[in-house]
Structures are given as structure tokens and as C-alpha cells.
N, C-alpha and C. Protein backbone atom coordinates (compact mmCIF):
# COMPACT_ATOMS: atom_id res chain seq x y z
N MET A 1 0.85 -1.18 0.00
CA MET A 1 0.00 0.00 0.00
C MET A 1 0.89 1.24 0.00
N ALA A 2 0.39 2.29 -0.58
CA ALA A 2 1.14 3.54 -0.64
C ALA A 2 1.45 4.07 0.75
N LYS A 3 2.61 4.65 0.91
CA LYS A 3 3.01 5.21 2.21
C LYS A 3 2.11 6.37 2.61
N ASP A 4 1.91 7.30 1.69
CA ASP A 4 1.04 8.45 1.94
C ASP A 4 -0.01 8.53 0.85
N VAL A 5 -1.25 8.70 1.24
CA VAL A 5 -2.33 8.91 0.29
C VAL A 5 -2.70 10.37 0.37
N LEU A 6 -2.59 11.07 -0.75
CA LEU A 6 -2.88 12.51 -0.78
C LEU A 6 -4.35 12.75 -1.10
N CYS A 7 -4.89 13.79 -0.50
CA CYS A 7 -6.29 14.15 -0.71
C CYS A 7 -6.42 15.66 -0.55
N GLU A 8 -7.09 16.30 -1.50
CA GLU A 8 -7.31 17.74 -1.43
C GLU A 8 -8.75 18.10 -1.07
N VAL A 9 -9.55 17.11 -0.68
CA VAL A 9 -10.96 17.34 -0.34
C VAL A 9 -11.03 17.67 1.15
N ARG A 10 -10.91 18.95 1.47
CA ARG A 10 -10.80 19.40 2.86
C ARG A 10 -12.04 19.14 3.70
N ASN A 11 -13.20 18.92 3.05
CA ASN A 11 -14.41 18.68 3.84
C ASN A 11 -14.67 17.19 4.06
N CYS A 12 -13.65 16.34 3.87
CA CYS A 12 -13.77 14.92 4.18
C CYS A 12 -13.32 14.70 5.62
N GLN A 13 -14.02 13.82 6.35
CA GLN A 13 -13.66 13.53 7.74
C GLN A 13 -12.24 12.99 7.87
N PHE A 14 -11.69 12.38 6.82
CA PHE A 14 -10.37 11.77 6.87
C PHE A 14 -9.25 12.71 6.43
N TRP A 15 -9.59 13.92 5.97
CA TRP A 15 -8.57 14.86 5.50
C TRP A 15 -7.71 15.29 6.69
N GLU A 16 -6.39 15.30 6.46
CA GLU A 16 -5.45 15.73 7.49
C GLU A 16 -4.53 16.80 6.92
N SER A 17 -3.95 17.58 7.79
CA SER A 17 -3.03 18.64 7.40
C SER A 17 -1.98 18.11 6.44
N GLY A 18 -1.63 18.91 5.46
CA GLY A 18 -0.66 18.49 4.45
C GLY A 18 -1.32 17.74 3.31
N ASN A 19 -2.64 17.82 3.22
CA ASN A 19 -3.44 17.12 2.21
C ASN A 19 -3.22 15.60 2.25
N LEU A 20 -3.17 15.06 3.47
CA LEU A 20 -3.03 13.62 3.64
C LEU A 20 -4.37 13.01 4.01
N CYS A 21 -4.57 11.75 3.62
CA CYS A 21 -5.77 11.01 3.98
C CYS A 21 -5.46 10.16 5.19
N GLY A 22 -6.27 10.28 6.25
CA GLY A 22 -6.06 9.54 7.49
C GLY A 22 -6.90 8.29 7.60
N ALA A 23 -7.57 7.87 6.54
CA ALA A 23 -8.40 6.67 6.59
C ALA A 23 -7.54 5.42 6.71
N ASP A 24 -8.04 4.41 7.40
CA ASP A 24 -7.33 3.14 7.52
C ASP A 24 -7.31 2.38 6.20
N GLN A 25 -8.36 2.56 5.40
CA GLN A 25 -8.47 1.90 4.10
C GLN A 25 -9.03 2.90 3.10
N ILE A 26 -8.71 2.70 1.82
CA ILE A 26 -9.23 3.54 0.75
C ILE A 26 -10.01 2.64 -0.20
N TYR A 27 -11.22 3.06 -0.56
CA TYR A 27 -12.08 2.28 -1.46
C TYR A 27 -12.40 3.15 -2.67
N VAL A 28 -11.88 2.77 -3.82
CA VAL A 28 -12.08 3.51 -5.06
C VAL A 28 -12.82 2.61 -6.05
N VAL A 29 -13.83 3.17 -6.72
CA VAL A 29 -14.61 2.40 -7.70
C VAL A 29 -14.64 3.12 -9.03
N SER A 30 -14.93 2.37 -10.08
CA SER A 30 -15.14 2.94 -11.41
C SER A 30 -16.57 3.47 -11.49
N GLN A 31 -16.75 4.55 -12.23
CA GLN A 31 -18.09 5.10 -12.41
C GLN A 31 -18.93 4.25 -13.36
N SER A 32 -18.26 3.39 -14.15
CA SER A 32 -19.00 2.54 -15.10
C SER A 32 -18.35 1.17 -15.18
N GLY A 33 -18.98 0.19 -14.58
CA GLY A 33 -18.46 -1.17 -14.63
C GLY A 33 -17.26 -1.38 -13.72
N ASP A 34 -16.34 -2.22 -14.17
CA ASP A 34 -15.19 -2.53 -13.32
C ASP A 34 -13.87 -2.05 -13.91
N THR A 35 -13.93 -1.15 -14.89
CA THR A 35 -12.71 -0.55 -15.46
C THR A 35 -12.89 0.95 -15.58
N ALA A 36 -11.77 1.66 -15.69
CA ALA A 36 -11.79 3.10 -15.90
C ALA A 36 -10.66 3.46 -16.85
N ASP A 37 -10.88 4.48 -17.68
CA ASP A 37 -9.87 4.93 -18.62
C ASP A 37 -9.06 6.11 -18.10
N THR A 38 -9.64 6.87 -17.16
CA THR A 38 -8.97 8.05 -16.60
C THR A 38 -9.30 8.14 -15.11
N SER A 39 -8.55 8.96 -14.39
CA SER A 39 -8.85 9.14 -12.97
C SER A 39 -10.22 9.79 -12.76
N SER A 40 -10.66 10.61 -13.72
CA SER A 40 -11.98 11.24 -13.58
C SER A 40 -13.11 10.22 -13.74
N GLY A 41 -12.80 9.02 -14.18
CA GLY A 41 -13.80 7.96 -14.30
C GLY A 41 -13.90 7.12 -13.05
N THR A 42 -13.31 7.60 -11.94
CA THR A 42 -13.35 6.87 -10.68
C THR A 42 -13.97 7.72 -9.58
N ASP A 43 -14.38 7.08 -8.51
CA ASP A 43 -14.94 7.76 -7.34
C ASP A 43 -14.32 7.17 -6.07
N CYS A 44 -14.05 8.03 -5.10
CA CYS A 44 -13.56 7.58 -3.80
C CYS A 44 -14.76 7.32 -2.90
N LYS A 45 -15.03 6.06 -2.60
CA LYS A 45 -16.16 5.70 -1.75
C LYS A 45 -15.80 5.81 -0.27
N THR A 46 -14.54 6.11 0.04
CA THR A 46 -14.10 6.30 1.41
C THR A 46 -14.59 7.65 1.96
N PHE A 47 -14.87 8.59 1.07
CA PHE A 47 -15.25 9.95 1.45
C PHE A 47 -16.47 9.97 2.36
N ILE A 48 -16.35 10.68 3.48
CA ILE A 48 -17.46 10.98 4.38
C ILE A 48 -17.38 12.48 4.65
N PRO A 49 -18.46 13.23 4.36
CA PRO A 49 -18.39 14.68 4.55
C PRO A 49 -18.22 15.05 6.03
N ASN A 50 -17.41 16.06 6.25
CA ASN A 50 -17.23 16.61 7.58
C ASN A 50 -18.25 17.74 7.73
N ASP A 51 -19.27 17.52 8.54
CA ASP A 51 -20.36 18.49 8.66
C ASP A 51 -19.89 19.86 9.12
N GLU A 52 -18.77 19.92 9.83
CA GLU A 52 -18.26 21.19 10.31
C GLU A 52 -17.78 22.07 9.17
N LEU A 53 -17.38 21.48 8.05
CA LEU A 53 -16.85 22.24 6.93
C LEU A 53 -17.81 22.32 5.75
N SER A 54 -18.91 21.59 5.79
CA SER A 54 -19.85 21.57 4.67
C SER A 54 -20.66 22.83 4.59
């Protein structure tokens, strides 16, 4: 697994200073089927909105 997972979504509960993701696991899915051609064709299902920043 990657040493550091970067994330720029500041309103996620797992966002940490330095644009790091503090989640124990990361779950990424394709927007269509089980393959993707670009990063924009994927979604991070680990995301949980931080109500304090929404």
C-alpha cells in the first residue's frame, strides 16, 4: 500500500493537514463497470463529509 495517500478534499472527515488522507483503508470504484480509462472515471467511496466544513 502507498506510504502516503494525498487528498485535497478538505471537507472529508479523513482529510489531514498536508493534504493527507487519514483513513485506515481507501475504497475507489469505477463510475462505469469494473474498469476506468482516466482518474476522472473513478470515485472515492471512502469519502465521508465533515459536517463542520460543509
